[in-house]
Amino acid sequence: MDSVLAKLPKQSDPNVLIGFDSADDAGVYLISPDLALVQTVDFFTPIVDDPYTFGQIAAANSLSDVYAMGGRPISALSIVGFPNTGKNLEILEQILLGGHAKMQEAGCSVIGGHSIGDEEMKFGYAVTGVVDPKRVLANRGARPGDRLVLTKRLGTGIIATALKKQEASQASVAAAIESMLTLNRVAGELAREFDIHAATDVTGFGLLGHAREMALASGVSMVIEHEHVEFLPDAATYSHKGFIPGGLKKNAQFLSGCVEFAASISPEIRNLLFDPQTSGGLLLALSGAQARQLVERLRERGIPGQEIGGVVEKTKPLLRVE
């Protein structure tokens, strides 16, 4: 997709503060000196069996990009693909109700949407938020000496794969669902109290994929300290057993030329760092002193924030995992 977007003509609208050319989480459009819109869209196929929960997760995932840009979501349009048979409409109703409940939790109004007949069920939202144009967070701006803070544990993709194989424990599934249902709202609000140099959310490209985007945009390299990265319950066990989602394999292949692992890091841990996340946490770059303070504030609010590495001068490889 990036290669296709790169071939599109450059936009000349000066009000486009952030567009598709920077691989950021959302677009930002200037309305006035004190107001800009944040716009994003995301949808996907079910990853849990319960339709209400699926709707909630899809909404939380769609909202995440607005929080990653430092914004506040205000409105959303639903996107639905559903079998055009006239059957099982109660499933669709539960999906919509779940999504609506999560949007209400975020203070975001659902004001419409669009649906099509599709044999493969899909659901998500196009979300609009607002942000002070002087306080937009972007994936560029990380500086050598910065520390990296991650606000959620990893492993949702691997646990979801184990669930599809009927091998996941109730405890691991419950932990993954709780994580995916948790809005990045509080983490985003706390982040705005600090001098964040760069930000993104960790979703389909996995931790290493999104770290790569931040490193490239900022002109730096990054070191991930794997012992400080926290994983969801049993995720490492399922990784060891080979419950590997297709997206993980694609991420690992794509990143093969820009990531170097210390020899001591096991294959199951490497997998988790490539694991595609749904409604993952925020990845934030800021000074060391502020990173420690932010982690303290996050943990006070029950958010599993953790310093997971640092930013260094650009070198090869772009990313190193120690």
C-alpha atoms as a PDB file:
ATOM      1  CA  MET A   1       0.000   0.000   0.000  1.00  0.00           C
ATOM      2  CA  ASP A   2       2.823   2.441   0.856  1.00  0.00           C
ATOM      3  CA  SER A   3       4.352   1.970  -2.585  1.00  0.00           C
ATOM      4  CA  VAL A   4       1.004   2.737  -4.221  1.00  0.00           C
ATOM      5  CA  LEU A   5       0.459   5.863  -2.108  1.00  0.00           C
ATOM      6  CA  ALA A   6       3.954   7.060  -2.966  1.00  0.00           C
ATOM      7  CA  LYS A   7       2.938   7.269  -6.627  1.00  0.00           C
ATOM      8  CA  LEU A   8       0.023   9.608  -5.945  1.00  0.00           C
ATOM      9  CA  PRO A   9       0.635  13.295  -6.720  1.00  0.00           C
ATOM     10  CA  LYS A  10       1.655  15.553  -3.859  1.00  0.00           C
ATOM     11  CA  GLN A  11      -1.158  17.667  -2.426  1.00  0.00           C
ATOM     12  CA  SER A  12      -0.828  21.420  -2.481  1.00  0.00           C
ATOM     13  CA  ASP A  13      -3.465  22.316   0.122  1.00  0.00           C
ATOM     14  CA  PRO A  14      -1.599  24.197   2.893  1.00  0.00           C
ATOM     15  CA  ASN A  15      -4.291  23.207   5.388  1.00  0.00           C
ATOM     16  CA  VAL A  16      -3.230  19.553   5.173  1.00  0.00           C
ATOM     17  CA  LEU A  17      -0.932  19.430   8.186  1.00  0.00           C
ATOM     18  CA  ILE A  18      -0.467  15.657   8.010  1.00  0.00           C
ATOM     19  CA  GLY A  19      -1.480  13.587   4.985  1.00  0.00           C
ATOM     20  CA  PHE A  20      -0.965  10.068   3.686  1.00  0.00           C
ATOM     21  CA  ASP A  21       2.650  10.669   2.667  1.00  0.00           C
ATOM     22  CA  SER A  22       4.083  10.445   6.203  1.00  0.00           C
ATOM     23  CA  ALA A  23       2.686   7.016   7.251  1.00  0.00           C
ATOM     24  CA  ASP A  24       1.098   8.650  10.292  1.00  0.00           C
ATOM     25  CA  ASP A  25      -1.863   7.162  12.128  1.00  0.00           C
ATOM     26  CA  ALA A  26      -4.380   9.738  10.878  1.00  0.00           C
ATOM     27  CA  GLY A  27      -4.698  12.815   8.712  1.00  0.00           C
ATOM     28  CA  VAL A  28      -4.806  16.296  10.231  1.00  0.00           C
ATOM     29  CA  TYR A  29      -6.561  19.211   8.515  1.00  0.00           C
ATOM     30  CA  LEU A  30      -6.309  22.798   9.706  1.00  0.00           C
ATOM     31  CA  ILE A  31      -9.628  24.618  10.249  1.00  0.00           C
ATOM     32  CA  SER A  32      -8.442  27.691  12.140  1.00  0.00           C
ATOM     33  CA  PRO A  33      -5.322  28.789  14.062  1.00  0.00           C
ATOM     34  CA  ASP A  34      -6.637  27.004  17.146  1.00  0.00           C
ATOM     35  CA  LEU A  35      -8.487  24.048  15.621  1.00  0.00           C
ATOM     36  CA  ALA A  36      -7.632  21.128  13.372  1.00  0.00           C
ATOM     37  CA  LEU A  37      -9.529  17.968  12.443  1.00  0.00           C
ATOM     38  CA  VAL A  38      -8.061  14.490  12.929  1.00  0.00           C
ATOM     39  CA  GLN A  39      -9.513  11.919  10.521  1.00  0.00           C
ATOM     40  CA  THR A  40      -9.015   8.163  10.378  1.00  0.00           C
ATOM     41  CA  VAL A  41     -10.772   4.967   9.285  1.00  0.00           C
ATOM     42  CA  ASP A  42     -10.373   1.317  10.256  1.00  0.00           C
ATOM     43  CA  PHE A  43     -12.422  -1.866   9.964  1.00  0.00           C
ATOM     44  CA  PHE A  44     -11.748  -5.616  10.085  1.00  0.00           C
ATOM     45  CA  THR A  45     -13.277  -9.096  10.330  1.00  0.00           C
ATOM     46  CA  PRO A  46     -14.383 -10.579  13.689  1.00  0.00           C
ATOM     47  CA  ILE A  47     -11.631 -11.676  16.054  1.00  0.00           C
ATOM     48  CA  VAL A  48     -13.914 -12.858  18.887  1.00  0.00           C
ATOM     49  CA  ASP A  49     -17.100 -14.916  18.821  1.00  0.00           C
ATOM     50  CA  ASP A  50     -19.384 -12.564  20.747  1.00  0.00           C
ATOM     51  CA  PRO A  51     -20.815  -9.942  18.343  1.00  0.00           C
ATOM     52  CA  TYR A  52     -21.336  -7.254  21.003  1.00  0.00           C
ATOM     53  CA  THR A  53     -17.715  -7.580  22.128  1.00  0.00           C
ATOM     54  CA  PHE A  54     -16.548  -7.520  18.510  1.00  0.00           C
ATOM     55  CA  GLY A  55     -18.387  -4.234  17.994  1.00  0.00           C
ATOM     56  CA  GLN A  56     -16.745  -2.753  21.087  1.00  0.00           C
ATOM     57  CA  ILE A  57     -13.263  -3.841  20.026  1.00  0.00           C
ATOM     58  CA  ALA A  58     -13.758  -2.470  16.508  1.00  0.00           C
ATOM     59  CA  ALA A  59     -14.793   0.874  17.944  1.00  0.00           C
ATOM     60  CA  ALA A  60     -11.869   1.045  20.387  1.00  0.00           C
ATOM     61  CA  ASN A  61      -9.488   0.179  17.572  1.00  0.00           C
ATOM     62  CA  SER A  62     -10.916   2.862  15.281  1.00  0.00           C
ATOM     63  CA  LEU A  63     -10.707   5.514  17.996  1.00  0.00           C
ATOM     64  CA  SER A  64      -7.088   4.718  18.805  1.00  0.00           C
ATOM     65  CA  ASP A  65      -5.572   6.652  15.890  1.00  0.00           C
ATOM     66  CA  VAL A  66      -7.188   9.889  17.070  1.00  0.00           C
ATOM     67  CA  TYR A  67      -5.683   9.465  20.542  1.00  0.00           C
ATOM     68  CA  ALA A  68      -2.296   8.678  18.977  1.00  0.00           C
ATOM     69  CA  MET A  69      -2.363  12.070  17.235  1.00  0.00           C
ATOM     70  CA  GLY A  70      -3.123  13.899  20.481  1.00  0.00           C
ATOM     71  CA  GLY A  71      -6.756  14.449  19.506  1.00  0.00           C
ATOM     72  CA  ARG A  72     -10.216  14.041  21.010  1.00  0.00           C
ATOM     73  CA  PRO A  73     -12.762  12.051  18.971  1.00  0.00           C
ATOM     74  CA  ILE A  74     -16.075  13.812  18.365  1.00  0.00           C
ATOM     75  CA  SER A  75     -17.972  11.910  15.641  1.00  0.00           C
ATOM     76  CA  ALA A  76     -17.932   8.625  13.766  1.00  0.00           C
ATOM     77  CA  LEU A  77     -19.488   6.904  10.746  1.00  0.00           C
ATOM     78  CA  SER A  78     -19.940   3.134  10.853  1.00  0.00           C
ATOM     79  CA  ILE A  79     -18.664   0.847   8.091  1.00  0.00           C
ATOM     80  CA  VAL A  80     -20.437  -2.490   7.761  1.00  0.00           C
ATOM     81  CA  GLY A  81     -19.993  -5.507   5.532  1.00  0.00           C
ATOM     82  CA  PHE A  82     -22.607  -8.179   6.274  1.00  0.00           C
ATOM     83  CA  PRO A  83     -24.104 -11.155   4.384  1.00  0.00           C
ATOM     84  CA  ASN A  84     -27.069  -9.901   2.351  1.00  0.00           C
ATOM     85  CA  THR A  85     -29.372 -12.808   3.215  1.00  0.00           C
ATOM     86  CA  GLY A  86     -31.833 -11.208   5.592  1.00  0.00           C
ATOM     87  CA  LYS A  87     -30.766 -13.730   8.235  1.00  0.00           C
ATOM     88  CA  ASN A  88     -28.857 -13.349  11.500  1.00  0.00           C
ATOM     89  CA  LEU A  89     -29.703  -9.668  11.725  1.00  0.00           C
ATOM     90  CA  GLU A  90     -29.623  -9.968  15.518  1.00  0.00           C
ATOM     91  CA  ILE A  91     -25.872 -10.517  15.169  1.00  0.00           C
ATOM     92  CA  LEU A  92     -25.538  -7.270  13.244  1.00  0.00           C
ATOM     93  CA  GLU A  93     -27.675  -5.518  15.829  1.00  0.00           C
ATOM     94  CA  GLN A  94     -25.385  -6.672  18.628  1.00  0.00           C
ATOM     95  CA  ILE A  95     -22.274  -5.551  16.716  1.00  0.00           C
ATOM     96  CA  LEU A  96     -23.754  -2.095  16.223  1.00  0.00           C
ATOM     97  CA  LEU A  97     -24.862  -1.879  19.854  1.00  0.00           C
ATOM     98  CA  GLY A  98     -21.410  -2.850  21.083  1.00  0.00           C
ATOM     99  CA  GLY A  99     -19.724  -0.293  18.870  1.00  0.00           C
ATOM    100  CA  HIS A 100     -22.191   2.389  19.906  1.00  0.00           C
ATOM    101  CA  ALA A 101     -21.580   1.692  23.600  1.00  0.00           C
ATOM    102  CA  LYS A 102     -17.825   2.067  23.204  1.00  0.00           C
ATOM    103  CA  MET A 103     -18.257   5.268  21.195  1.00  0.00           C
ATOM    104  CA  GLN A 104     -20.452   6.654  23.968  1.00  0.00           C
ATOM    105  CA  GLU A 105     -17.750   5.782  26.493  1.00  0.00           C
ATOM    106  CA  ALA A 106     -15.339   7.833  24.385  1.00  0.00           C
ATOM    107  CA  GLY A 107     -17.748  10.778  24.163  1.00  0.00           C
ATOM    108  CA  CYS A 108     -17.903  10.296  20.404  1.00  0.00           C
ATOM    109  CA  SER A 109     -21.238  10.578  18.541  1.00  0.00           C
ATOM    110  CA  VAL A 110     -22.133   8.048  15.847  1.00  0.00           C
ATOM    111  CA  ILE A 111     -23.849  10.179  13.203  1.00  0.00           C
ATOM    112  CA  GLY A 112     -24.325   7.742  10.329  1.00  0.00           C
ATOM    113  CA  GLY A 113     -22.583   5.096   8.283  1.00  0.00           C
ATOM    114  CA  HIS A 114     -22.689   2.838   5.249  1.00  0.00           C
ATOM    115  CA  SER A 115     -23.259  -0.883   4.759  1.00  0.00           C
ATOM    116  CA  ILE A 116     -22.772  -3.311   1.878  1.00  0.00           C
ATOM    117  CA  GLY A 117     -23.610  -6.952   1.319  1.00  0.00           C
ATOM    118  CA  ASP A 118     -20.493  -9.018   1.938  1.00  0.00           C
ATOM    119  CA  GLU A 119     -20.110 -12.742   2.519  1.00  0.00           C
ATOM    120  CA  GLU A 120     -17.268 -11.981   4.944  1.00  0.00           C
ATOM    121  CA  MET A 121     -18.440  -9.884   7.893  1.00  0.00           C
ATOM    122  CA  LYS A 122     -16.537  -6.628   8.473  1.00  0.00           C
ATOM    123  CA  PHE A 123     -17.053  -3.725  10.853  1.00  0.00           C
ATOM    124  CA  GLY A 124     -15.360  -0.493  11.870  1.00  0.00           C
ATOM    125  CA  TYR A 125     -15.619   3.280  11.822  1.00  0.00           C
ATOM    126  CA  ALA A 126     -14.401   6.429  10.145  1.00  0.00           C
ATOM    127  CA  VAL A 127     -13.668   8.738  13.074  1.00  0.00           C
ATOM    128  CA  THR A 128     -13.231  12.501  13.218  1.00  0.00           C
ATOM    129  CA  GLY A 129     -11.509  14.195  16.130  1.00  0.00           C
ATOM    130  CA  VAL A 130     -10.308  17.656  17.042  1.00  0.00           C
ATOM    131  CA  VAL A 131      -6.854  18.791  18.113  1.00  0.00           C
ATOM    132  CA  ASP A 132      -4.965  21.979  18.804  1.00  0.00           C
ATOM    133  CA  PRO A 133      -2.794  22.344  15.662  1.00  0.00           C
ATOM    134  CA  LYS A 134       0.100  23.442  17.863  1.00  0.00           C
ATOM    135  CA  ARG A 135      -0.103  20.219  19.894  1.00  0.00           C
ATOM    136  CA  VAL A 136      -0.484  17.553  17.229  1.00  0.00           C
ATOM    137  CA  LEU A 137       1.425  14.354  17.959  1.00  0.00           C
ATOM    138  CA  ALA A 138       3.071  12.722  14.954  1.00  0.00           C
ATOM    139  CA  ASN A 139       5.324   9.728  14.364  1.00  0.00           C
ATOM    140  CA  ARG A 140       8.241  12.006  13.485  1.00  0.00           C
ATOM    141  CA  GLY A 141      10.209  13.935  16.087  1.00  0.00           C
ATOM    142  CA  ALA A 142      11.870  11.205  18.171  1.00  0.00           C
ATOM    143  CA  ARG A 143      15.366  12.317  19.256  1.00  0.00           C
ATOM    144  CA  PRO A 144      18.535  10.425  20.187  1.00  0.00           C
ATOM    145  CA  GLY A 145      18.494  10.021  23.952  1.00  0.00           C
ATOM    146  CA  ASP A 146      14.699   9.704  24.137  1.00  0.00           C
ATOM    147  CA  ARG A 147      13.108   6.776  25.917  1.00  0.00           C
ATOM    148  CA  LEU A 148      10.222   4.725  24.534  1.00  0.00           C
ATOM    149  CA  VAL A 149       7.063   4.080  26.544  1.00  0.00           C
ATOM    150  CA  LEU A 150       4.443   1.478  25.556  1.00  0.00           C
ATOM    151  CA  THR A 151       1.019   1.617  27.212  1.00  0.00           C
ATOM    152  CA  LYS A 152      -0.365  -1.897  26.621  1.00  0.00           C
ATOM    153  CA  ARG A 153       0.899  -5.455  26.748  1.00  0.00           C
ATOM    154  CA  LEU A 154       1.467  -7.393  23.518  1.00  0.00           C
ATOM    155  CA  GLY A 155       0.030 -10.670  22.247  1.00  0.00           C
ATOM    156  CA  THR A 156      -3.539 -10.127  21.026  1.00  0.00           C
ATOM    157  CA  GLY A 157      -2.844 -11.570  17.570  1.00  0.00           C
ATOM    158  CA  ILE A 158      -1.255 -14.763  18.849  1.00  0.00           C
ATOM    159  CA  ILE A 159      -3.952 -15.271  21.497  1.00  0.00           C
ATOM    160  CA  ALA A 160      -6.687 -14.737  18.876  1.00  0.00           C
ATOM    161  CA  THR A 161      -5.024 -17.394  16.697  1.00  0.00           C
ATOM    162  CA  ALA A 162      -4.888 -19.818  19.628  1.00  0.00           C
ATOM    163  CA  LEU A 163      -8.573 -19.078  20.259  1.00  0.00           C
ATOM    164  CA  LYS A 164      -9.457 -19.966  16.650  1.00  0.00           C
ATOM    165  CA  LYS A 165      -7.666 -23.293  17.187  1.00  0.00           C
ATOM    166  CA  GLN A 166      -9.614 -23.763  20.444  1.00  0.00           C
ATOM    167  CA  GLU A 167      -6.352 -23.870  22.386  1.00  0.00           C
ATOM    168  CA  ALA A 168      -6.548 -20.593  24.315  1.00  0.00           C
ATOM    169  CA  SER A 169      -7.331 -20.532  28.033  1.00  0.00           C
ATOM    170  CA  GLN A 170     -10.237 -18.510  29.359  1.00  0.00           C
ATOM    171  CA  ALA A 171      -7.817 -16.389  31.368  1.00  0.00           C
ATOM    172  CA  SER A 172      -5.676 -15.441  28.360  1.00  0.00           C
ATOM    173  CA  VAL A 173      -8.709 -14.673  26.190  1.00  0.00           C
ATOM    174  CA  ALA A 174     -10.252 -12.560  28.950  1.00  0.00           C
ATOM    175  CA  ALA A 175      -7.009 -10.612  29.378  1.00  0.00           C
ATOM    176  CA  ALA A 176      -6.697 -10.032  25.619  1.00  0.00           C
ATOM    177  CA  ILE A 177     -10.310  -8.868  25.358  1.00  0.00           C
ATOM    178  CA  GLU A 178      -9.913  -6.532  28.327  1.00  0.00           C
ATOM    179  CA  SER A 179      -6.839  -5.015  26.700  1.00  0.00           C
ATOM    180  CA  MET A 180      -8.546  -4.578  23.326  1.00  0.00           C
ATOM    181  CA  LEU A 181     -11.616  -3.028  24.957  1.00  0.00           C
ATOM    182  CA  THR A 182      -9.541  -0.476  26.866  1.00  0.00           C
ATOM    183  CA  LEU A 183      -9.590   2.893  25.151  1.00  0.00           C
ATOM    184  CA  ASN A 184      -6.321   4.762  24.742  1.00  0.00           C
ATOM    185  CA  ARG A 185      -8.215   7.773  26.031  1.00  0.00           C
ATOM    186  CA  VAL A 186      -6.605   7.967  29.481  1.00  0.00           C
ATOM    187  CA  ALA A 187      -3.147   7.163  28.129  1.00  0.00           C
ATOM    188  CA  GLY A 188      -3.573   9.896  25.534  1.00  0.00           C
ATOM    189  CA  GLU A 189      -4.774  12.423  28.095  1.00  0.00           C
ATOM    190  CA  LEU A 190      -1.828  11.681  30.376  1.00  0.00           C
ATOM    191  CA  ALA A 191       0.595  11.873  27.448  1.00  0.00           C
ATOM    192  CA  ARG A 192      -0.583  15.406  26.671  1.00  0.00           C
ATOM    193  CA  GLU A 193       0.701  16.480  30.108  1.00  0.00           C
ATOM    194  CA  PHE A 194       4.252  15.691  28.969  1.00  0.00           C
ATOM    195  CA  ASP A 195       6.563  16.850  26.184  1.00  0.00           C
ATOM    196  CA  ILE A 196       5.998  13.970  23.775  1.00  0.00           C
ATOM    197  CA  HIS A 197       8.434  14.119  20.862  1.00  0.00           C
ATOM    198  CA  ALA A 198       6.782  11.406  18.729  1.00  0.00           C
ATOM    199  CA  ALA A 199       3.818   9.056  19.048  1.00  0.00           C
ATOM    200  CA  THR A 200       2.013   6.240  17.295  1.00  0.00           C
ATOM    201  CA  ASP A 201      -0.287   3.380  18.253  1.00  0.00           C
ATOM    202  CA  VAL A 202       0.746  -0.248  17.908  1.00  0.00           C
ATOM    203  CA  THR A 203      -1.705  -2.118  15.695  1.00  0.00           C
ATOM    204  CA  GLY A 204      -1.431  -4.319  12.611  1.00  0.00           C
ATOM    205  CA  PHE A 205       2.286  -3.872  11.910  1.00  0.00           C
ATOM    206  CA  GLY A 206       3.210  -4.993  15.428  1.00  0.00           C
ATOM    207  CA  LEU A 207       5.552  -3.247  17.835  1.00  0.00           C
ATOM    208  CA  LEU A 208       8.570  -3.494  15.544  1.00  0.00           C
ATOM    209  CA  GLY A 209       6.640  -2.393  12.460  1.00  0.00           C
ATOM    210  CA  HIS A 210       5.350   0.751  14.116  1.00  0.00           C
ATOM    211  CA  ALA A 211       8.732   1.429  15.721  1.00  0.00           C
ATOM    212  CA  ARG A 212      10.209   1.235  12.220  1.00  0.00           C
ATOM    213  CA  GLU A 213       7.755   3.852  10.950  1.00  0.00           C
ATOM    214  CA  MET A 214       8.614   6.172  13.832  1.00  0.00           C
ATOM    215  CA  ALA A 215      12.344   5.660  13.360  1.00  0.00           C
ATOM    216  CA  LEU A 216      12.181   6.306   9.607  1.00  0.00           C
ATOM    217  CA  ALA A 217      10.019   9.411  10.021  1.00  0.00           C
ATOM    218  CA  SER A 218      12.329  10.778  12.735  1.00  0.00           C
ATOM    219  CA  GLY A 219      15.647   9.934  11.055  1.00  0.00           C
ATOM    220  CA  VAL A 220      16.830   7.848  14.030  1.00  0.00           C
ATOM    221  CA  SER A 221      17.328   4.255  15.119  1.00  0.00           C
ATOM    222  CA  MET A 222      15.775   2.485  18.075  1.00  0.00           C
ATOM    223  CA  VAL A 223      16.831  -0.124  20.610  1.00  0.00           C
ATOM    224  CA  ILE A 224      14.097  -2.315  22.091  1.00  0.00           C
ATOM    225  CA  GLU A 225      14.871  -3.871  25.485  1.00  0.00           C
ATOM    226  CA  HIS A 226      12.832  -7.053  25.242  1.00  0.00           C
ATOM    227  CA  GLU A 227      12.983  -7.851  28.976  1.00  0.00           C
ATOM    228  CA  HIS A 228      10.992  -4.677  29.653  1.00  0.00           C
ATOM    229  CA  VAL A 229       8.251  -5.473  27.131  1.00  0.00           C
ATOM    230  CA  GLU A 230       5.216  -6.987  28.853  1.00  0.00           C
ATOM    231  CA  PHE A 231       3.083  -9.703  27.260  1.00  0.00           C
ATOM    232  CA  LEU A 232      -0.469 -10.861  27.849  1.00  0.00           C
ATOM    233  CA  PRO A 233      -0.932 -14.092  29.861  1.00  0.00           C
ATOM    234  CA  ASP A 234       0.118 -17.261  27.988  1.00  0.00           C
ATOM    235  CA  ALA A 235       0.997 -15.319  24.830  1.00  0.00           C
ATOM    236  CA  ALA A 236       4.604 -16.546  24.931  1.00  0.00           C
ATOM    237  CA  THR A 237       3.387 -20.120  25.437  1.00  0.00           C
ATOM    238  CA  TYR A 238       1.095 -19.937  22.415  1.00  0.00           C
ATOM    239  CA  SER A 239       3.901 -18.390  20.395  1.00  0.00           C
ATOM    240  CA  HIS A 240       6.158 -21.317  21.357  1.00  0.00           C
ATOM    241  CA  LYS A 241       3.415 -23.742  20.294  1.00  0.00           C
ATOM    242  CA  GLY A 242       3.241 -22.152  16.856  1.00  0.00           C
ATOM    243  CA  PHE A 243      -0.063 -20.282  16.955  1.00  0.00           C
ATOM    244  CA  ILE A 244       1.200 -17.687  14.516  1.00  0.00           C
ATOM    245  CA  PRO A 245      -1.220 -15.340  12.681  1.00  0.00           C
ATOM    246  CA  GLY A 246      -0.648 -14.691   8.997  1.00  0.00           C
ATOM    247  CA  GLY A 247      -0.088 -11.005   9.669  1.00  0.00           C
ATOM    248  CA  LEU A 248       2.818 -11.848  11.973  1.00  0.00           C
ATOM    249  CA  LYS A 249       4.576 -13.768   9.223  1.00  0.00           C
ATOM    250  CA  LYS A 250       4.085 -10.860   6.802  1.00  0.00           C
ATOM    251  CA  ASN A 251       5.432  -8.394   9.378  1.00  0.00           C
ATOM    252  CA  ALA A 252       8.517 -10.512  10.008  1.00  0.00           C
ATOM    253  CA  GLN A 253       9.200 -10.869   6.299  1.00  0.00           C
ATOM    254  CA  PHE A 254       8.736  -7.160   5.637  1.00  0.00           C
ATOM    255  CA  LEU A 255      11.025  -6.134   8.501  1.00  0.00           C
ATOM    256  CA  SER A 256      13.720  -8.742   7.926  1.00  0.00           C
ATOM    257  CA  GLY A 257      16.223  -6.256   6.545  1.00  0.00           C
ATOM    258  CA  CYS A 258      15.964  -3.626   9.258  1.00  0.00           C
ATOM    259  CA  VAL A 259      15.770  -5.550  12.566  1.00  0.00           C
ATOM    260  CA  GLU A 260      18.633  -7.256  14.385  1.00  0.00           C
ATOM    261  CA  PHE A 261      18.031  -9.496  17.399  1.00  0.00           C
ATOM    262  CA  ALA A 262      20.509 -10.399  20.091  1.00  0.00           C
ATOM    263  CA  ALA A 263      21.317 -14.104  19.819  1.00  0.00           C
ATOM    264  CA  SER A 264      19.868 -14.798  23.274  1.00  0.00           C
ATOM    265  CA  ILE A 265      16.321 -13.773  22.315  1.00  0.00           C
ATOM    266  CA  SER A 266      14.091 -16.804  21.795  1.00  0.00           C
ATOM    267  CA  PRO A 267      11.910 -17.316  18.711  1.00  0.00           C
ATOM    268  CA  GLU A 268       8.691 -17.022  20.750  1.00  0.00           C
ATOM    269  CA  ILE A 269       9.715 -13.555  22.000  1.00  0.00           C
ATOM    270  CA  ARG A 270      10.715 -12.486  18.497  1.00  0.00           C
ATOM    271  CA  ASN A 271       7.279 -13.559  17.281  1.00  0.00           C
ATOM    272  CA  LEU A 272       5.549 -11.433  19.901  1.00  0.00           C
ATOM    273  CA  LEU A 273       7.455  -8.334  18.823  1.00  0.00           C
ATOM    274  CA  PHE A 274       6.166  -8.880  15.264  1.00  0.00           C
ATOM    275  CA  ASP A 275       2.652  -9.838  16.424  1.00  0.00           C
ATOM    276  CA  PRO A 276      -0.117  -7.713  14.819  1.00  0.00           C
ATOM    277  CA  GLN A 277      -2.133  -6.026  17.545  1.00  0.00           C
ATOM    278  CA  THR A 278      -5.785  -5.064  17.553  1.00  0.00           C
ATOM    279  CA  SER A 279      -6.552  -1.950  19.617  1.00  0.00           C
ATOM    280  CA  GLY A 280      -2.969  -1.916  20.865  1.00  0.00           C
ATOM    281  CA  GLY A 281      -1.295   0.639  23.065  1.00  0.00           C
ATOM    282  CA  LEU A 282       0.433   3.937  22.368  1.00  0.00           C
ATOM    283  CA  LEU A 283       4.172   4.044  21.653  1.00  0.00           C
ATOM    284  CA  LEU A 284       5.608   7.348  22.878  1.00  0.00           C
ATOM    285  CA  ALA A 285       9.076   8.914  22.616  1.00  0.00           C
ATOM    286  CA  LEU A 286      10.102  11.455  25.259  1.00  0.00           C
ATOM    287  CA  SER A 287      13.027  12.361  27.497  1.00  0.00           C
ATOM    288  CA  GLY A 288      14.197   9.843  30.069  1.00  0.00           C
ATOM    289  CA  ALA A 289      13.156  11.831  33.134  1.00  0.00           C
ATOM    290  CA  GLN A 290       9.699  12.466  31.717  1.00  0.00           C
ATOM    291  CA  ALA A 291       9.351   8.842  30.602  1.00  0.00           C
ATOM    292  CA  ARG A 292       9.782   7.640  34.179  1.00  0.00           C
ATOM    293  CA  GLN A 293       7.216  10.152  35.401  1.00  0.00           C
ATOM    294  CA  LEU A 294       4.770   9.163  32.660  1.00  0.00           C
ATOM    295  CA  VAL A 295       5.087   5.467  33.510  1.00  0.00           C
ATOM    296  CA  GLU A 296       4.343   6.279  37.151  1.00  0.00           C
ATOM    297  CA  ARG A 297       1.250   8.253  36.177  1.00  0.00           C
ATOM    298  CA  LEU A 298       0.053   5.516  33.831  1.00  0.00           C
ATOM    299  CA  ARG A 299       0.409   2.834  36.488  1.00  0.00           C
ATOM    300  CA  GLU A 300      -1.411   4.977  39.031  1.00  0.00           C
ATOM    301  CA  ARG A 301      -4.373   4.879  36.612  1.00  0.00           C
ATOM    302  CA  GLY A 302      -4.140   1.111  36.124  1.00  0.00           C
ATOM    303  CA  ILE A 303      -2.479   1.302  32.693  1.00  0.00           C
ATOM    304  CA  PRO A 304       0.457  -1.120  32.199  1.00  0.00           C
ATOM    305  CA  GLY A 305       2.869   1.513  30.900  1.00  0.00           C
ATOM    306  CA  GLN A 306       6.494   0.478  30.613  1.00  0.00           C
ATOM    307  CA  GLU A 307       9.797   1.881  29.335  1.00  0.00           C
ATOM    308  CA  ILE A 308      10.764  -0.564  26.608  1.00  0.00           C
ATOM    309  CA  GLY A 309      13.838   0.982  25.010  1.00  0.00           C
ATOM    310  CA  GLY A 310      15.456   4.088  23.653  1.00  0.00           C
ATOM    311  CA  VAL A 311      16.282   6.213  20.639  1.00  0.00           C
ATOM    312  CA  VAL A 312      19.806   6.437  19.212  1.00  0.00           C
ATOM    313  CA  GLU A 313      21.513   8.097  16.276  1.00  0.00           C
ATOM    314  CA  LYS A 314      20.541   6.550  12.944  1.00  0.00           C
ATOM    315  CA  THR A 315      22.560   3.474  12.131  1.00  0.00           C
ATOM    316  CA  LYS A 316      22.213   0.042  10.574  1.00  0.00           C
ATOM    317  CA  PRO A 317      20.182  -1.879  11.412  1.00  0.00           C
ATOM    318  CA  LEU A 318      17.361   0.607  11.937  1.00  0.00           C
ATOM    319  CA  LEU A 319      16.064  -1.410  14.900  1.00  0.00           C
ATOM    320  CA  ARG A 320      17.932  -3.556  17.379  1.00  0.00           C
ATOM    321  CA  VAL A 321      16.348  -5.821  19.970  1.00  0.00           C
ATOM    322  CA  GLU A 322      18.502  -6.565  23.002  1.00  0.00           C
END
